[in-house]
Amino acid sequence: MLDGRAPLGEIPVVAGLARLADRWRDACRRNGVQPPGPYREVLRERRRSKSQLLCNEKYLTKTKRIPILPSMPESQTLETPPSPPVDLHARAMENLRFIRATMESSRSFTAVPGWGGIGMGAIAAVTAWLASRPGVGDGWLAWWIGAAVAASVVGGFAMLVKARGRGERLSRGVGRRFLFGLIPPILAAVVLTKVLVDLGAAAAVPGAWLLLYGVGVVAGGTFSVRPVLVMGLAFMALGVATLLAPPEWSNALLGAGFGGLHIVFGAIIVRRYGG
């Protein structure tokens, strides 16, 4: 094809002769005979023609190449918005508040007043002597109600002073939990006193007072120092004993509990934990 002439294998006569030569070659092979010389030349010419066609098709024909995979888009860089600046002072203050709250929740309430307990015990001891005098009769309950009010004022004031001195607050943290454990049983004792008096069972009031006060001290003492918890247990035991004892012993047992136990454990608290 390069010199303008058709290949020899494309001439009809030559192609027919080539087919005839193929048949003759197959017959010779079956019979084990070599084909004569002219036919071998025809076969060689046919092979050369086919090789030339393949070469032209491969190297001289321009074809359009189709990509197997589509082209990938160009990569784009995503711009992230800048993060806002961190306020170090605000974060530091938040960390300090968290640390302070954690310390307040983990430490014990040490603002239980030792001197205040001694003062409450002194009031109870004096009241026990006054209520046991001859001629008082049923007025003993009025004496003890007045003593309870006075002792509550003394104890609450002493606790507030000690808490301020130690930098503790009764309105939050462990101080608030202490009050929430102490106050509800005392309120229950107030209500129960009214009910028992109306029912004519005033003799059960001393035992109920000692028992419920002990429950409150134990509940609050869970968040306080160990002597407070032990004192609450002692009050509970004394309250049960008072309920089982004869009514004539009630005044003395009230003095032993609110007087003696407050003075003893108040002194222990003063010695170990300060006033």
Protein backbone atom coordinates (compact mmCIF):
# COMPACT_ATOMS: atom_id res chain seq x y z
CA MET A 1 0.00 0.00 0.00
CA LEU A 2 2.92 2.34 0.52
CA ASP A 3 3.94 2.31 -3.21
CA GLY A 4 0.33 2.53 -4.56
CA ARG A 5 0.04 -1.10 -5.49
CA ALA A 6 -2.44 -3.52 -3.87
CA PRO A 7 -0.96 -6.34 -1.88
CA LEU A 8 -0.65 -9.62 -3.66
CA GLY A 9 -3.05 -11.29 -1.28
CA GLU A 10 -5.86 -8.93 -2.23
CA ILE A 11 -5.92 -9.92 -5.98
CA PRO A 12 -8.89 -12.25 -6.59
CA VAL A 13 -6.93 -14.70 -8.66
CA VAL A 14 -4.15 -14.86 -6.11
CA ALA A 15 -6.69 -15.25 -3.29
CA GLY A 16 -8.32 -18.13 -5.13
CA LEU A 17 -4.98 -19.76 -5.73
CA ALA A 18 -4.15 -19.27 -2.04
CA ARG A 19 -7.31 -21.08 -1.00
CA LEU A 20 -6.53 -23.86 -3.43
CA ALA A 21 -3.00 -23.99 -2.05
CA ASP A 22 -4.38 -24.30 1.50
CA ARG A 23 -6.51 -27.25 0.50
CA TRP A 24 -3.59 -28.81 -1.33
CA ARG A 25 -1.34 -28.26 1.69
CA ASP A 26 -3.89 -29.91 4.02
CA ALA A 27 -4.19 -32.89 1.69
CA CYS A 28 -0.41 -33.21 1.51
CA ARG A 29 -0.13 -33.11 5.28
CA ARG A 30 -2.77 -35.80 5.68
CA ASN A 31 -0.90 -37.97 3.24
CA GLY A 32 2.52 -37.13 4.65
CA VAL A 33 3.74 -35.46 1.41
CA GLN A 34 5.51 -32.07 1.12
CA PRO A 35 3.75 -29.64 -1.26
CA PRO A 36 5.65 -28.66 -4.39
CA GLY A 37 7.70 -25.54 -4.61
CA PRO A 38 5.31 -23.10 -6.41
CA TYR A 39 2.63 -23.63 -3.87
CA ARG A 40 5.04 -22.95 -1.02
CA GLU A 41 5.83 -19.60 -2.61
CA VAL A 42 2.14 -18.75 -2.78
CA LEU A 43 1.77 -19.52 0.93
CA ARG A 44 4.75 -17.37 1.83
CA GLU A 45 3.32 -14.48 -0.21
CA ARG A 46 0.00 -14.79 1.54
CA ARG A 47 1.63 -14.73 4.96
CA ARG A 48 3.64 -11.63 4.02
CA SER A 49 0.44 -9.88 2.81
CA LYS A 50 -1.34 -10.58 6.06
CA SER A 51 1.66 -9.33 8.10
CA GLN A 52 1.77 -6.14 6.04
CA LEU A 53 -1.94 -5.50 6.60
CA LEU A 54 -1.54 -5.94 10.34
CA CYS A 55 1.46 -3.61 10.43
CA ASN A 56 -0.38 -0.92 8.49
CA GLU A 57 -3.44 -1.24 10.68
CA LYS A 58 -1.38 -0.99 13.86
CA TYR A 59 1.10 1.76 13.09
CA LEU A 60 -0.30 3.79 10.16
CA THR A 61 -3.97 4.14 11.10
CA LYS A 62 -4.97 6.98 13.40
CA THR A 63 -7.65 6.02 15.90
CA LYS A 64 -9.41 8.04 18.57
CA ARG A 65 -8.53 6.84 22.02
CA ILE A 66 -11.37 6.74 24.52
CA PRO A 67 -10.24 6.98 28.16
CA ILE A 68 -11.24 4.05 30.31
CA LEU A 69 -11.78 6.14 33.44
CA PRO A 70 -13.24 9.64 33.47
CA SER A 71 -10.89 12.41 34.41
CA MET A 72 -10.87 13.36 38.08
CA PRO A 73 -11.88 16.91 38.97
CA GLU A 74 -9.24 19.16 40.32
CA SER A 75 -8.92 19.09 44.07
CA GLN A 76 -10.28 22.07 45.94
CA THR A 77 -9.06 23.24 49.31
CA LEU A 78 -11.86 23.71 51.83
CA GLU A 79 -11.39 26.77 53.96
CA THR A 80 -12.41 26.20 57.58
CA PRO A 81 -13.78 29.21 59.44
CA PRO A 82 -11.43 30.51 62.10
CA SER A 83 -12.32 29.42 65.64
CA PRO A 84 -13.34 32.20 68.02
CA PRO A 85 -10.69 33.29 70.50
CA VAL A 86 -10.76 31.54 73.88
CA ASP A 87 -11.33 33.71 76.92
CA LEU A 88 -8.71 32.36 79.29
CA HIS A 89 -10.00 34.36 82.25
CA ALA A 90 -13.55 33.01 81.90
CA ARG A 91 -12.28 29.45 81.55
CA ALA A 92 -10.07 29.82 84.61
CA MET A 93 -12.96 31.17 86.68
CA GLU A 94 -15.16 28.29 85.55
CA ASN A 95 -12.49 25.78 86.57
CA LEU A 96 -12.14 27.46 89.97
CA ARG A 97 -15.90 27.27 90.55
CA PHE A 98 -15.89 23.60 89.66
CA ILE A 99 -12.98 22.89 92.00
CA ARG A 100 -14.63 24.83 94.82
CA ALA A 101 -17.93 22.98 94.37
CA THR A 102 -16.13 19.63 94.33
CA MET A 103 -14.24 20.44 97.53
CA GLU A 104 -17.39 21.63 99.25
CA SER A 105 -19.24 18.44 98.35
CA SER A 106 -16.43 16.15 99.48
CA ARG A 107 -15.39 17.70 102.80
CA SER A 108 -17.16 17.41 106.16
CA PHE A 109 -19.22 20.12 107.78
CA THR A 110 -17.01 21.29 110.66
CA ALA A 111 -19.07 24.30 111.73
CA VAL A 112 -20.97 22.32 114.38
CA PRO A 113 -20.42 24.56 117.42
CA GLY A 114 -18.73 22.96 120.39
CA TRP A 115 -19.30 25.92 122.70
CA GLY A 116 -22.81 26.24 121.35
CA GLY A 117 -23.46 22.59 122.30
CA ILE A 118 -22.13 23.25 125.79
CA GLY A 119 -24.45 26.27 126.08
CA MET A 120 -27.43 24.18 124.94
CA GLY A 121 -26.53 21.52 127.47
CA ALA A 122 -26.33 24.09 130.25
CA ILE A 123 -29.80 25.41 129.39
CA ALA A 124 -31.20 21.85 129.44
CA ALA A 125 -29.55 21.06 132.77
CA VAL A 126 -31.02 24.15 134.41
CA THR A 127 -34.43 23.39 132.91
CA ALA A 128 -34.35 19.82 134.25
CA TRP A 129 -33.77 21.18 137.76
CA LEU A 130 -36.52 23.79 137.44
CA ALA A 131 -39.06 21.36 135.99
CA SER A 132 -38.44 18.83 138.77
CA ARG A 133 -39.24 21.17 141.63
CA PRO A 134 -42.26 20.38 143.75
CA GLY A 135 -45.46 22.04 142.73
CA VAL A 136 -44.61 22.35 139.06
CA GLY A 137 -46.95 19.49 138.13
CA ASP A 138 -48.01 19.60 134.48
CA GLY A 139 -46.04 22.78 133.96
CA TRP A 140 -42.89 20.76 133.22
CA LEU A 141 -43.77 20.68 129.52
CA ALA A 142 -43.95 24.48 129.33
CA TRP A 143 -40.50 24.72 130.92
CA TRP A 144 -39.03 22.33 128.36
CA ILE A 145 -40.68 24.06 125.39
CA GLY A 146 -39.17 27.36 126.52
CA ALA A 147 -35.79 25.66 126.97
CA ALA A 148 -36.01 24.17 123.46
CA VAL A 149 -36.63 27.59 121.95
CA ALA A 150 -33.74 29.19 123.88
CA ALA A 151 -31.35 26.33 123.05
CA SER A 152 -32.26 26.53 119.35
CA VAL A 153 -31.41 30.24 119.30
CA VAL A 154 -28.09 29.69 121.09
CA GLY A 155 -27.10 26.73 118.92
CA GLY A 156 -28.09 28.39 115.66
CA PHE A 157 -26.23 31.60 116.48
CA ALA A 158 -23.09 29.70 117.51
CA MET A 159 -23.21 27.62 114.32
CA LEU A 160 -23.56 30.73 112.16
CA VAL A 161 -20.59 32.43 113.86
CA LYS A 162 -18.38 29.36 113.52
CA ALA A 163 -19.34 28.84 109.88
CA ARG A 164 -18.44 32.44 109.02
CA GLY A 165 -15.14 32.11 110.83
CA ARG A 166 -14.27 29.05 108.75
CA GLY A 167 -15.46 30.50 105.48
CA GLU A 168 -18.34 28.04 105.17
CA ARG A 169 -21.89 28.81 104.13
CA LEU A 170 -25.01 27.20 105.54
CA SER A 171 -26.97 27.97 102.38
CA ARG A 172 -25.01 25.75 100.02
CA GLY A 173 -22.76 22.76 99.83
CA VAL A 174 -22.25 20.47 102.76
CA GLY A 175 -23.69 23.03 105.22
CA ARG A 176 -27.04 22.99 103.46
CA ARG A 177 -27.10 19.19 103.45
CA PHE A 178 -26.38 19.19 107.17
CA LEU A 179 -29.33 21.48 107.86
CA PHE A 180 -31.63 19.51 105.57
CA GLY A 181 -30.82 16.40 107.58
CA LEU A 182 -31.23 18.08 110.99
CA ILE A 183 -34.29 20.32 110.65
CA PRO A 184 -37.04 17.97 109.28
CA PRO A 185 -37.01 15.58 112.30
CA ILE A 186 -37.13 18.59 114.66
CA LEU A 187 -40.18 19.92 112.82
CA ALA A 188 -41.73 16.47 113.05
CA ALA A 189 -41.17 16.55 116.83
CA VAL A 190 -42.99 19.88 117.06
CA VAL A 191 -46.01 18.51 115.21
CA LEU A 192 -45.96 15.28 117.19
CA THR A 193 -45.90 17.22 120.47
CA LYS A 194 -49.17 18.94 119.61
CA VAL A 195 -50.77 15.65 118.59
CA LEU A 196 -49.68 13.78 121.74
CA VAL A 197 -50.83 16.57 124.06
CA ASP A 198 -54.24 16.68 122.39
CA LEU A 199 -54.54 12.92 122.77
CA GLY A 200 -53.64 13.08 126.47
CA ALA A 201 -50.34 11.23 125.94
CA ALA A 202 -47.98 13.99 127.07
CA ALA A 203 -45.90 11.39 128.92
CA ALA A 204 -44.62 10.15 125.52
CA VAL A 205 -43.35 13.59 124.50
CA PRO A 206 -39.86 13.32 126.18
CA GLY A 207 -39.10 10.01 124.46
CA ALA A 208 -40.31 11.33 121.10
CA TRP A 209 -38.17 14.45 121.46
CA LEU A 210 -35.00 12.53 122.24
CA LEU A 211 -35.61 9.96 119.51
CA LEU A 212 -36.44 12.42 116.72
CA TYR A 213 -33.64 14.80 117.71
CA GLY A 214 -31.24 11.87 117.52
CA VAL A 215 -32.53 10.99 114.06
CA GLY A 216 -31.91 14.56 112.89
CA VAL A 217 -28.41 14.66 114.37
CA VAL A 218 -27.53 11.33 112.72
CA ALA A 219 -28.87 12.53 109.35
CA GLY A 220 -26.90 15.77 109.58
CA GLY A 221 -23.89 14.07 111.15
CA THR A 222 -23.47 12.00 108.01
CA PHE A 223 -22.02 15.16 106.45
CA SER A 224 -20.17 16.29 109.57
CA VAL A 225 -17.41 15.08 111.87
CA ARG A 226 -17.61 11.72 113.60
CA PRO A 227 -18.51 12.92 117.15
CA VAL A 228 -21.72 14.47 115.80
CA LEU A 229 -22.82 11.14 114.33
CA VAL A 230 -22.03 9.29 117.58
CA MET A 231 -23.96 11.88 119.57
CA GLY A 232 -27.01 11.34 117.36
CA LEU A 233 -26.89 7.61 117.94
CA ALA A 234 -26.67 8.20 121.69
CA PHE A 235 -29.75 10.44 121.55
CA MET A 236 -31.68 7.77 119.66
CA ALA A 237 -30.79 5.10 122.20
CA LEU A 238 -31.76 7.38 125.07
CA GLY A 239 -35.06 8.20 123.37
CA VAL A 240 -35.98 4.54 123.08
CA ALA A 241 -35.07 4.04 126.75
CA THR A 242 -37.24 7.03 127.74
CA LEU A 243 -40.25 5.64 125.88
CA LEU A 244 -39.88 2.35 127.75
CA ALA A 245 -39.12 3.90 131.16
CA PRO A 246 -41.73 4.98 133.72
CA PRO A 247 -43.14 8.53 133.21
CA GLU A 248 -41.56 9.67 136.50
CA TRP A 249 -38.12 9.32 134.93
CA SER A 250 -38.88 11.49 131.89
CA ASN A 251 -37.62 14.78 133.33
CA ALA A 252 -34.33 13.26 134.47
CA LEU A 253 -33.80 11.52 131.13
CA LEU A 254 -34.46 14.78 129.29
CA GLY A 255 -31.79 16.45 131.42
CA ALA A 256 -29.38 13.55 130.78
CA GLY A 257 -29.91 13.77 127.04
CA PHE A 258 -30.25 17.44 126.13
CA GLY A 259 -28.05 18.46 129.03
CA GLY A 260 -25.40 15.78 129.57
CA LEU A 261 -24.88 14.60 125.97
CA HIS A 262 -24.66 18.16 124.64
CA ILE A 263 -22.06 19.14 127.23
CA VAL A 264 -19.93 15.99 126.76
CA PHE A 265 -19.87 16.00 122.96
CA GLY A 266 -19.61 19.79 122.87
CA ALA A 267 -16.40 19.54 124.86
CA ILE A 268 -15.07 16.86 122.50
CA ILE A 269 -15.80 19.04 119.47
CA VAL A 270 -14.12 22.06 121.09
CA ARG A 271 -11.01 20.01 121.83
CA ARG A 272 -10.70 18.34 118.41
CA TYR A 273 -12.21 20.83 115.99
CA GLY A 274 -12.27 24.19 117.76
CA GLY A 275 -15.15 26.20 119.20
